[in-house]
N, C-alpha and C. Protein backbone atom coordinates (compact mmCIF):
# COMPACT_ATOMS: atom_id res chain seq x y z
N ALA A 1 0.89 -1.20 0.11
CA ALA A 1 0.26 0.07 0.04
C ALA A 1 0.73 1.16 0.08
N SER A 2 0.28 2.18 -0.90
CA SER A 2 1.40 3.52 -0.77
C SER A 2 0.73 4.16 0.20
N PRO A 3 1.36 5.42 0.76
CA PRO A 3 1.66 6.36 1.88
C PRO A 3 0.50 7.14 1.28
N THR A 4 -0.14 7.56 2.26
CA THR A 4 -1.20 8.58 1.90
C THR A 4 -0.62 9.85 2.54
N SER A 5 -1.12 10.82 2.08
CA SER A 5 -1.00 12.45 2.90
C SER A 5 -1.65 13.40 2.34
N SER A 6 -1.77 14.56 2.91
CA SER A 6 -2.34 15.71 2.10
C SER A 6 -1.42 16.82 2.11
N ALA A 7 -1.90 17.61 1.18
CA ALA A 7 -1.04 18.53 0.41
C ALA A 7 -0.28 19.30 1.32
N SER A 8 -0.42 19.29 2.59
CA SER A 8 0.13 20.46 3.39
C SER A 8 1.32 19.60 3.97
N ASP A 9 1.16 18.09 4.15
CA ASP A 9 2.24 17.18 4.70
C ASP A 9 3.31 16.71 4.02
N VAL A 10 3.32 17.21 2.69
CA VAL A 10 4.27 16.26 1.39
C VAL A 10 5.52 17.60 1.86
N ALA A 11 6.56 17.52 1.86
CA ALA A 11 8.03 18.20 1.82
C ALA A 11 7.78 18.52 0.68
N HIS A 12 8.24 19.67 0.29
CA HIS A 12 8.34 20.61 -0.91
C HIS A 12 9.39 20.63 -1.14
N ASP A 13 10.63 19.84 -1.02
CA ASP A 13 11.95 20.05 -1.26
C ASP A 13 12.19 19.13 -2.95
N GLY A 14 10.97 18.62 -3.40
CA GLY A 14 11.27 18.08 -4.62
C GLY A 14 11.74 16.77 -4.33
N GLY A 15 12.19 16.27 -3.18
CA GLY A 15 12.72 15.20 -2.88
C GLY A 15 11.91 13.69 -2.95
N ARG A 16 11.86 12.46 -3.45
CA ARG A 16 11.26 11.64 -3.63
C ARG A 16 12.00 10.35 -3.06
N CYS A 17 11.27 9.11 -2.46
CA CYS A 17 11.35 8.36 -2.15
C CYS A 17 12.24 7.34 -3.21
N THR A 18 13.47 6.64 -3.31
CA THR A 18 13.77 6.04 -4.36
C THR A 18 13.32 4.40 -4.26
N LEU A 19 12.52 4.23 -3.43
CA LEU A 19 12.01 2.93 -3.56
C LEU A 19 10.57 2.80 -4.41
N CYS A 20 10.09 3.93 -3.61
CA CYS A 20 8.44 4.07 -4.20
C CYS A 20 7.98 5.18 -5.32
N SER A 21 9.17 6.20 -5.43
CA SER A 21 9.00 7.28 -6.10
C SER A 21 7.91 8.38 -6.01
N LEU A 22 7.21 7.94 -4.74
CA LEU A 22 6.48 9.20 -3.79
C LEU A 22 7.44 10.35 -3.20
N PRO A 23 6.38 11.54 -3.28
CA PRO A 23 7.35 12.27 -2.34
C PRO A 23 7.63 11.98 -0.74
N TRP A 24 8.39 12.62 -0.24
CA TRP A 24 8.75 12.41 1.38
C TRP A 24 7.71 13.24 1.84
N HIS A 25 7.36 12.63 3.25
CA HIS A 25 6.56 13.97 3.89
C HIS A 25 7.63 14.57 5.09
N ARG A 26 7.13 15.57 5.58
CA ARG A 26 7.65 16.24 6.51
C ARG A 26 7.40 15.54 7.98
N SER A 27 6.62 14.73 8.03
CA SER A 27 6.30 13.89 9.08
C SER A 27 5.27 12.70 9.11
N GLY A 28 5.36 11.77 9.82
CA GLY A 28 4.17 10.82 9.53
C GLY A 28 5.10 9.39 9.24
N SER A 29 4.50 8.33 8.48
CA SER A 29 4.73 7.10 7.89
C SER A 29 5.94 7.37 6.97
N HIS A 30 5.85 8.17 6.02
CA HIS A 30 6.70 8.10 5.12
C HIS A 30 7.55 9.63 5.17
N GLN A 31 7.99 9.87 6.44
CA GLN A 31 8.74 11.23 6.44
C GLN A 31 10.28 10.74 5.75
N ALA A 32 11.03 11.67 5.36
CA ALA A 32 12.09 11.52 4.69
C ALA A 32 12.86 10.92 5.54
N CYS A 33 13.84 10.43 5.32
CA CYS A 33 14.98 9.63 6.55
C CYS A 33 15.97 9.19 5.60
N THR A 34 17.09 8.75 6.50
CA THR A 34 18.43 8.34 5.97
C THR A 34 19.15 7.20 6.53
N LEU A 35 19.75 6.26 5.79
CA LEU A 35 21.04 5.45 6.58
C LEU A 35 22.08 6.00 6.69
N PRO A 36 22.68 5.33 7.44
CA PRO A 36 24.61 5.69 8.04
C PRO A 36 25.19 6.19 6.52
N CYS A 37 24.74 5.37 5.60
CA CYS A 37 25.58 5.73 3.75
C CYS A 37 24.89 6.78 3.53
N GLY A 38 23.88 7.52 3.75
CA GLY A 38 23.21 8.83 3.36
C GLY A 38 22.18 8.67 2.10
N HIS A 39 22.12 7.50 1.96
CA HIS A 39 20.75 7.39 1.02
C HIS A 39 19.71 7.69 1.39
N MET A 40 18.57 8.11 1.06
CA MET A 40 17.35 8.77 1.58
C MET A 40 16.29 7.88 1.23
N PHE A 41 15.33 7.64 2.05
CA PHE A 41 13.73 6.96 1.43
C PHE A 41 12.98 7.59 2.35
N GLY A 42 11.78 7.04 2.22
CA GLY A 42 10.57 7.31 2.85
C GLY A 42 10.59 6.63 4.04
N LEU A 43 10.28 6.82 5.38
CA LEU A 43 10.49 5.67 6.38
C LEU A 43 9.81 4.52 6.54
N SER A 44 8.54 4.55 5.63
CA SER A 44 7.70 3.12 5.80
C SER A 44 8.11 2.33 4.91
N CYS A 45 8.96 2.70 3.50
CA CYS A 45 9.33 2.17 2.80
C CYS A 45 11.00 1.50 3.11
N ILE A 46 11.64 2.03 3.60
CA ILE A 46 13.05 1.98 4.16
C ILE A 46 12.99 0.62 5.33
N VAL A 47 11.86 0.99 6.18
CA VAL A 47 11.70 0.03 6.95
C VAL A 47 11.18 -1.18 6.74
N ALA A 48 10.09 -1.54 6.06
CA ALA A 48 10.05 -2.45 5.18
C ALA A 48 11.00 -3.21 4.37
N GLU A 49 11.70 -2.35 3.58
CA GLU A 49 12.68 -3.20 3.00
C GLU A 49 13.72 -3.75 3.98
N LEU A 50 14.56 -3.01 5.13
CA LEU A 50 15.24 -3.66 5.74
C LEU A 50 14.50 -4.47 6.52
N ARG A 51 13.26 -4.86 6.66
CA ARG A 51 12.82 -6.50 7.46
C ARG A 51 12.66 -7.24 6.52
N ARG A 52 12.17 -6.78 5.23
CA ARG A 52 11.75 -7.80 3.89
C ARG A 52 13.26 -8.73 3.72
N ARG A 53 14.35 -7.99 3.83
CA ARG A 53 15.78 -8.28 3.67
C ARG A 53 16.16 -9.51 4.38
N ARG A 54 15.69 -8.83 5.82
CA ARG A 54 16.12 -9.83 7.16
C ARG A 54 15.53 -11.24 7.19
N GLU A 55 13.91 -11.04 6.67
CA GLU A 55 13.20 -12.08 6.90
C GLU A 55 12.96 -13.33 5.45
N THR A 56 13.71 -12.69 4.37
CA THR A 56 13.82 -13.83 3.00
C THR A 56 14.67 -14.59 3.34
N PRO A 57 14.26 -15.80 3.40
CA PRO A 57 15.50 -17.03 3.48
C PRO A 57 16.58 -16.87 2.64
N ARG A 58 16.38 -16.54 1.36
CA ARG A 58 17.86 -16.37 0.99
C ARG A 58 18.78 -15.02 1.36
N GLU A 59 18.14 -14.22 2.14
CA GLU A 59 18.97 -12.89 2.29
C GLU A 59 19.02 -12.76 3.89
N ARG A 60 18.72 -13.98 4.56
CA ARG A 60 18.68 -13.71 5.86
C ARG A 60 19.79 -13.92 6.39
N ARG A 61 20.34 -12.82 7.32
CA ARG A 61 21.41 -12.41 8.24
C ARG A 61 21.26 -11.42 9.21
N GLU A 62 22.02 -11.28 10.10
CA GLU A 62 21.75 -10.34 11.14
C GLU A 62 21.71 -9.05 10.88
N ARG A 63 22.64 -8.47 9.84
CA ARG A 63 22.26 -7.09 9.21
C ARG A 63 21.66 -7.30 8.02
N SER A 64 21.06 -5.96 7.71
CA SER A 64 20.57 -6.02 6.09
C SER A 64 21.47 -4.94 5.64
N GLU A 65 20.88 -4.33 4.67
CA GLU A 65 21.75 -3.46 3.80
C GLU A 65 20.57 -2.79 3.23
N CYS A 66 21.36 -1.14 2.63
CA CYS A 66 20.90 -0.49 1.86
C CYS A 66 20.39 -1.12 0.58
N PRO A 67 19.44 -0.98 -0.03
CA PRO A 67 19.08 -1.37 -1.30
C PRO A 67 19.98 -0.71 -2.50
N ILE A 68 20.49 0.95 -2.12
CA ILE A 68 21.36 1.40 -3.41
C ILE A 68 22.29 0.80 -3.28
N CYS A 69 23.36 1.13 -2.09
CA CYS A 69 24.88 0.76 -2.46
C CYS A 69 25.17 -0.67 -1.41
N ARG A 70 24.43 -1.39 -0.90
CA ARG A 70 24.55 -2.20 0.02
C ARG A 70 25.64 -2.32 0.96
N GLN A 71 25.54 -1.07 1.52
CA GLN A 71 26.77 -0.94 2.59
C GLN A 71 25.35 -1.50 4.02
N GLY A 72 25.92 -2.02 4.86
CA GLY A 72 25.04 -2.76 5.89
C GLY A 72 24.35 -1.87 6.70
N ALA A 73 23.27 -1.87 7.44
CA ALA A 73 22.52 -1.27 7.89
C ALA A 73 21.16 -2.04 8.75
N VAL A 74 20.65 -1.47 9.79
CA VAL A 74 19.55 -2.07 10.40
C VAL A 74 18.87 -1.03 10.63
N GLU A 75 17.57 -1.44 10.89
CA GLU A 75 16.17 -0.22 11.55
C GLU A 75 16.33 0.77 12.29
N GLN A 76 17.52 0.17 13.39
CA GLN A 76 18.12 1.29 14.08
C GLN A 76 18.62 2.21 13.83
N GLN A 77 19.40 1.91 12.72
CA GLN A 77 19.97 3.12 12.39
C GLN A 77 19.50 4.16 11.12
N VAL A 78 18.21 4.09 10.94
CA VAL A 78 17.73 4.97 10.43
C VAL A 78 16.96 5.84 10.69
N ARG A 79 17.68 6.93 10.36
CA ARG A 79 17.68 8.50 11.09
C ARG A 79 16.34 9.18 10.02
N ARG A 80 15.33 10.07 10.96
CA ARG A 80 14.59 10.82 10.37
C ARG A 80 15.25 12.21 10.00
N VAL A 81 14.79 12.69 8.72
CA VAL A 81 15.55 13.93 8.17
C VAL A 81 14.06 14.99 8.47
N PHE A 82 14.43 15.99 9.02
CA PHE A 82 13.79 16.95 9.12
C PHE A 82 13.24 18.26 8.47
N VAL A 83 12.43 18.51 7.47
CA VAL A 83 12.63 19.19 6.18
C VAL A 83 11.08 20.72 6.58
N THR A 84 11.59 21.51 6.44
CA THR A 84 10.69 22.74 6.83
C THR A 84 9.85 23.01 5.72
N ALA A 85 8.54 23.38 5.91
CA ALA A 85 8.04 23.74 4.76
C ALA A 85 8.25 24.70 3.60
N GLU A 86 9.63 25.51 3.98
CA GLU A 86 10.18 25.92 3.17
C GLU A 86 11.24 25.42 2.46
N ALA A 87 11.47 24.47 2.70
CA ALA A 87 12.75 23.70 2.29
C ALA A 87 12.45 23.74 0.58
N GLY A 88 13.22 24.03 -0.37
CA GLY A 88 13.24 23.68 -1.54
C GLY A 88 12.31 24.97 -2.39
N SER A 89 11.87 26.06 -1.42
CA SER A 89 11.17 27.13 -1.73
C SER A 89 11.62 28.12 -3.26
N ASP A 90 12.91 27.92 -2.87
CA ASP A 90 13.72 29.24 -3.82
C ASP A 90 13.45 28.16 -5.39
N GLU A 91 13.45 27.02 -5.38
CA GLU A 91 13.66 26.33 -6.49
C GLU A 91 11.84 26.23 -7.01
N LEU A 92 11.19 26.20 -6.12
CA LEU A 92 9.53 26.15 -6.31
C LEU A 92 9.41 27.66 -6.93
N GLN A 93 10.01 28.59 -6.72
CA GLN A 93 9.66 30.21 -7.15
C GLN A 93 10.64 30.19 -8.50
N GLN A 94 11.25 29.73 -8.58
CA GLN A 94 11.87 29.38 -9.92
C GLN A 94 11.55 29.05 -10.98
N ARG A 95 10.64 27.84 -10.70
CA ARG A 95 9.47 26.82 -11.42
C ARG A 95 8.65 27.81 -12.03
N ARG A 96 8.06 28.49 -10.83
CA ARG A 96 6.40 29.40 -11.22
C ARG A 96 7.21 30.31 -11.98
N ARG A 97 8.02 31.25 -11.95
CA ARG A 97 8.75 32.23 -12.71
C ARG A 97 8.90 31.74 -14.00
N ARG A 98 9.55 30.72 -14.30
CA ARG A 98 9.45 30.00 -15.39
C ARG A 98 8.18 29.86 -16.75
N ALA A 99 7.41 29.10 -15.84
CA ALA A 99 6.12 28.88 -16.18
C ALA A 99 5.42 30.13 -16.52
N SER A 100 5.62 31.15 -15.98
CA SER A 100 5.11 32.13 -16.36
C SER A 100 5.44 33.08 -17.08
N HIS A 101 6.85 32.53 -17.56
CA HIS A 101 7.27 33.75 -18.77
C HIS A 101 7.26 32.69 -19.90
N ALA A 102 6.65 31.59 -19.88
CA ALA A 102 6.79 30.89 -20.92
C ALA A 102 5.52 31.05 -21.77
């Protein structure tokens, strides 16, 4: 199931989860988060992926790993990233200006 959100909850920094391609949220189940390697995901997506990798018989191991770079990672290492409503606002304003001049 894909995370649901209101327009006010979506982080307006242009960032998207690399697992589901949906925008990150400023809070809640799909909040932007990072692993120790620095790759960013939606919280619910990366937690589910780390658990899946640990529970899959073929991949069962004590530590899971980042789905992008394969660096070891466990659920306890997932860190939330706090994005303000203003994040990326310069970029949004530039896009609006370009669109109005087109």
